[in-house]
Amino acid sequence: MSTNQFLQQDMIETLYEEHHAWLKAWISKKLGCSSSGADLAHDTYVRVLQKDGVPQLQEPRAYLTKIAHDIMVNFLKRRDIERAYYDAIAMLDPQHSPSVEMQAILLETLYEIDTMLHGLSGNVRKAYLMLQLDGMNYAQIAAELKVSVRTVTTYIAKASLLCALSRQALNNQNLE
């Protein structure tokens, strides 16, 4: 182990020893749940370990808070998607409900779609959702967004390209 690696490991150990309890309490208070706080504090340190290196920190709690905040936002978004999905499943006739395995696959797909959609700018996302979910045509979307039909065409092209790239990335990931 090189001197630099040893110093990095020592910095991470110190960061954990000195701030883990505080971070867990901070997250638990924000979420109102100690078990989720413990899980997300753990995930924060996993993210720190995955980084190429920990910078020399003047404000270690600010550093941890930023990482934990990003993890919490993702956690809350996923929880909202999960709740909406299970609410929709609960409305189905039990004989038409998907299997537990299919539910897990569908939920993962919803997470991926959400991530992809958040990669789009506001109007591009709105235009794409109006087309796909509301069944609006380009002229109706243009009127709603107060832009030209040509601009809507560009928006849909951008969204479609991102969808295709996301689909390709998922296919490549599944092949690995």
Protein backbone atom coordinates (compact mmCIF):
# COMPACT_ATOMS: atom_id res chain seq x y z
CA MET A 1 0.00 0.00 0.00
CA SER A 2 1.43 3.37 -1.00
CA THR A 3 1.82 6.23 1.43
CA ASN A 4 -0.97 8.12 -0.35
CA GLN A 5 -3.35 5.15 -0.09
CA PHE A 6 -2.50 4.76 3.58
CA LEU A 7 -3.19 8.47 4.20
CA GLN A 8 -6.51 8.24 2.31
CA GLN A 9 -7.58 5.21 4.34
CA ASP A 10 -6.61 6.97 7.55
CA MET A 11 -8.56 10.10 6.55
CA ILE A 12 -11.66 8.04 5.79
CA GLU A 13 -11.39 6.13 9.08
CA THR A 14 -11.06 9.41 10.96
CA LEU A 15 -13.98 10.89 9.04
CA TYR A 16 -16.09 7.89 9.99
CA GLU A 17 -15.03 7.73 13.64
CA GLU A 18 -15.50 11.45 14.27
CA HIS A 19 -18.69 12.11 12.29
CA HIS A 20 -20.69 8.92 11.75
CA ALA A 21 -22.86 9.27 14.86
CA TRP A 22 -23.56 12.92 14.06
CA LEU A 23 -24.38 12.13 10.40
CA LYS A 24 -26.71 9.29 11.36
CA ALA A 25 -28.54 11.53 13.84
CA TRP A 26 -28.77 14.37 11.29
CA ILE A 27 -30.23 12.12 8.58
CA SER A 28 -32.56 10.38 11.05
CA LYS A 29 -33.92 13.74 12.17
CA LYS A 30 -34.43 14.90 8.57
CA LEU A 31 -36.26 11.69 7.62
CA GLY A 32 -37.98 11.10 10.95
CA CYS A 33 -36.75 7.51 10.93
CA SER A 34 -33.68 6.15 12.69
CA SER A 35 -33.38 2.98 10.59
CA SER A 36 -33.45 4.96 7.32
CA GLY A 37 -30.98 7.37 8.90
CA ALA A 38 -28.61 4.52 9.65
CA ASP A 39 -28.98 3.10 6.14
CA LEU A 40 -28.37 6.41 4.43
CA ALA A 41 -25.44 7.28 6.70
CA HIS A 42 -23.92 3.95 5.64
CA ASP A 43 -24.64 4.76 1.97
CA THR A 44 -22.93 8.13 2.43
CA TYR A 45 -19.72 6.49 3.59
CA VAL A 46 -19.96 3.94 0.78
CA ARG A 47 -20.12 6.87 -1.65
CA VAL A 48 -17.07 8.43 0.04
CA LEU A 49 -15.19 5.14 -0.39
CA GLN A 50 -16.15 5.00 -4.07
CA LYS A 51 -14.58 8.39 -4.79
CA ASP A 52 -11.07 8.50 -6.21
CA GLY A 53 -9.85 10.25 -3.12
CA VAL A 54 -11.04 12.34 -0.23
CA PRO A 55 -9.85 15.91 -0.47
CA GLN A 56 -8.17 17.58 2.47
CA LEU A 57 -11.27 18.69 4.36
CA GLN A 58 -11.60 21.92 6.27
CA GLU A 59 -15.31 21.28 6.88
CA PRO A 60 -15.85 17.52 6.97
CA ARG A 61 -19.49 17.80 8.07
CA ALA A 62 -20.29 20.06 5.12
CA TYR A 63 -18.67 17.50 2.82
CA LEU A 64 -20.67 14.64 4.34
CA THR A 65 -23.86 16.70 4.40
CA LYS A 66 -23.63 17.40 0.66
CA ILE A 67 -23.18 13.71 -0.16
CA ALA A 68 -25.91 12.66 2.29
CA HIS A 69 -28.30 15.29 0.92
CA ASP A 70 -27.93 13.93 -2.62
CA ILE A 71 -28.55 10.40 -1.34
CA MET A 72 -31.61 11.55 0.63
CA VAL A 73 -33.10 13.30 -2.41
CA ASN A 74 -32.73 10.11 -4.42
CA PHE A 75 -34.14 8.03 -1.55
CA LEU A 76 -37.21 10.27 -1.20
CA LYS A 77 -37.81 10.33 -4.94
CA ARG A 78 -37.63 6.55 -5.13
CA ARG A 79 -39.93 6.23 -2.12
CA ASP A 80 -42.53 8.49 -3.78
CA ILE A 81 -42.36 6.47 -6.99
CA GLU A 82 -42.71 3.25 -5.00
CA ARG A 83 -45.73 4.54 -3.06
CA ALA A 84 -47.49 5.70 -6.24
CA TYR A 85 -46.75 2.38 -7.91
CA TYR A 86 -48.08 0.30 -5.00
CA ASP A 87 -51.15 2.54 -4.73
CA ALA A 88 -51.84 1.85 -8.42
CA ILE A 89 -51.28 -1.91 -7.93
CA ALA A 90 -53.68 -1.90 -4.96
CA MET A 91 -56.44 -0.59 -7.23
CA LEU A 92 -56.13 -3.59 -9.56
CA ASP A 93 -58.28 -6.67 -9.30
CA PRO A 94 -56.04 -9.18 -7.44
CA GLN A 95 -56.25 -11.67 -10.31
CA HIS A 96 -54.81 -9.01 -12.64
CA SER A 97 -51.97 -7.98 -10.35
CA PRO A 98 -48.50 -8.73 -11.65
CA SER A 99 -46.38 -11.30 -9.86
CA VAL A 100 -43.98 -10.13 -7.17
CA GLU A 101 -41.08 -10.65 -9.59
CA MET A 102 -42.81 -8.62 -12.31
CA GLN A 103 -43.63 -5.90 -9.77
CA ALA A 104 -39.92 -5.62 -8.92
CA ILE A 105 -39.01 -5.39 -12.61
CA LEU A 106 -41.69 -2.77 -13.25
CA LEU A 107 -40.60 -0.72 -10.25
CA GLU A 108 -36.96 -0.73 -11.43
CA THR A 109 -38.17 0.32 -14.88
CA LEU A 110 -40.09 3.22 -13.32
CA TYR A 111 -36.93 4.32 -11.48
CA GLU A 112 -34.99 4.24 -14.75
CA ILE A 113 -37.69 6.20 -16.60
CA ASP A 114 -37.73 8.80 -13.84
CA THR A 115 -33.95 9.16 -14.02
CA MET A 116 -34.08 9.51 -17.79
CA LEU A 117 -36.88 12.09 -17.64
CA HIS A 118 -34.96 14.17 -15.12
CA GLY A 119 -32.10 14.27 -17.62
CA LEU A 120 -34.34 16.38 -19.86
CA SER A 121 -34.79 20.13 -19.53
CA GLY A 122 -38.17 21.39 -18.31
CA ASN A 123 -39.93 22.11 -21.60
CA VAL A 124 -38.46 19.08 -23.35
CA ARG A 125 -39.75 16.87 -20.52
CA LYS A 126 -43.17 18.56 -20.55
CA ALA A 127 -43.50 18.21 -24.32
CA TYR A 128 -42.49 14.55 -24.23
CA LEU A 129 -44.94 13.74 -21.44
CA MET A 130 -47.74 15.65 -23.17
CA LEU A 131 -47.11 13.57 -26.29
CA GLN A 132 -46.72 10.21 -24.55
CA LEU A 133 -49.19 10.46 -21.66
CA ASP A 134 -51.75 13.04 -22.73
CA GLY A 135 -51.83 12.03 -26.40
CA MET A 136 -51.50 15.65 -27.51
CA ASN A 137 -50.27 16.42 -31.02
CA TYR A 138 -47.38 18.77 -31.79
CA ALA A 139 -49.66 21.74 -32.48
CA GLN A 140 -51.49 21.28 -29.15
CA ILE A 141 -48.19 20.96 -27.30
CA ALA A 142 -46.87 24.09 -29.02
CA ALA A 143 -49.97 26.05 -27.99
CA GLU A 144 -49.73 24.80 -24.40
CA LEU A 145 -46.02 25.62 -24.07
CA LYS A 146 -46.32 28.84 -26.11
CA VAL A 147 -43.61 27.78 -28.56
CA SER A 148 -43.56 26.96 -32.27
CA VAL A 149 -44.37 23.53 -33.69
CA ARG A 150 -40.77 23.43 -34.97
CA THR A 151 -39.54 23.89 -31.39
CA VAL A 152 -41.81 21.05 -30.23
CA THR A 153 -40.36 18.88 -33.00
CA THR A 154 -36.88 19.64 -31.66
CA TYR A 155 -37.98 18.91 -28.08
CA ILE A 156 -39.45 15.53 -29.06
CA ALA A 157 -36.36 14.65 -31.08
CA LYS A 158 -34.12 15.43 -28.08
CA ALA A 159 -36.31 13.38 -25.74
CA SER A 160 -36.48 10.47 -28.19
CA LEU A 161 -32.71 10.50 -28.61
CA LEU A 162 -32.19 10.44 -24.84
CA CYS A 163 -34.69 7.56 -24.55
CA ALA A 164 -32.83 5.61 -27.23
CA LEU A 165 -29.47 6.28 -25.59
CA SER A 166 -30.84 5.29 -22.18
CA ARG A 167 -32.31 2.10 -23.64
CA GLN A 168 -28.97 1.29 -25.30
CA ALA A 169 -27.09 1.91 -22.05
CA LEU A 170 -29.48 -0.42 -20.19
CA ASN A 171 -29.08 -3.10 -22.87
CA ASN A 172 -25.29 -2.80 -22.66
CA GLN A 173 -25.47 -2.99 -18.87
CA ASN A 174 -27.59 -6.14 -19.05
CA LEU A 175 -25.09 -7.75 -21.41
CA GLU A 176 -22.20 -7.29 -18.97
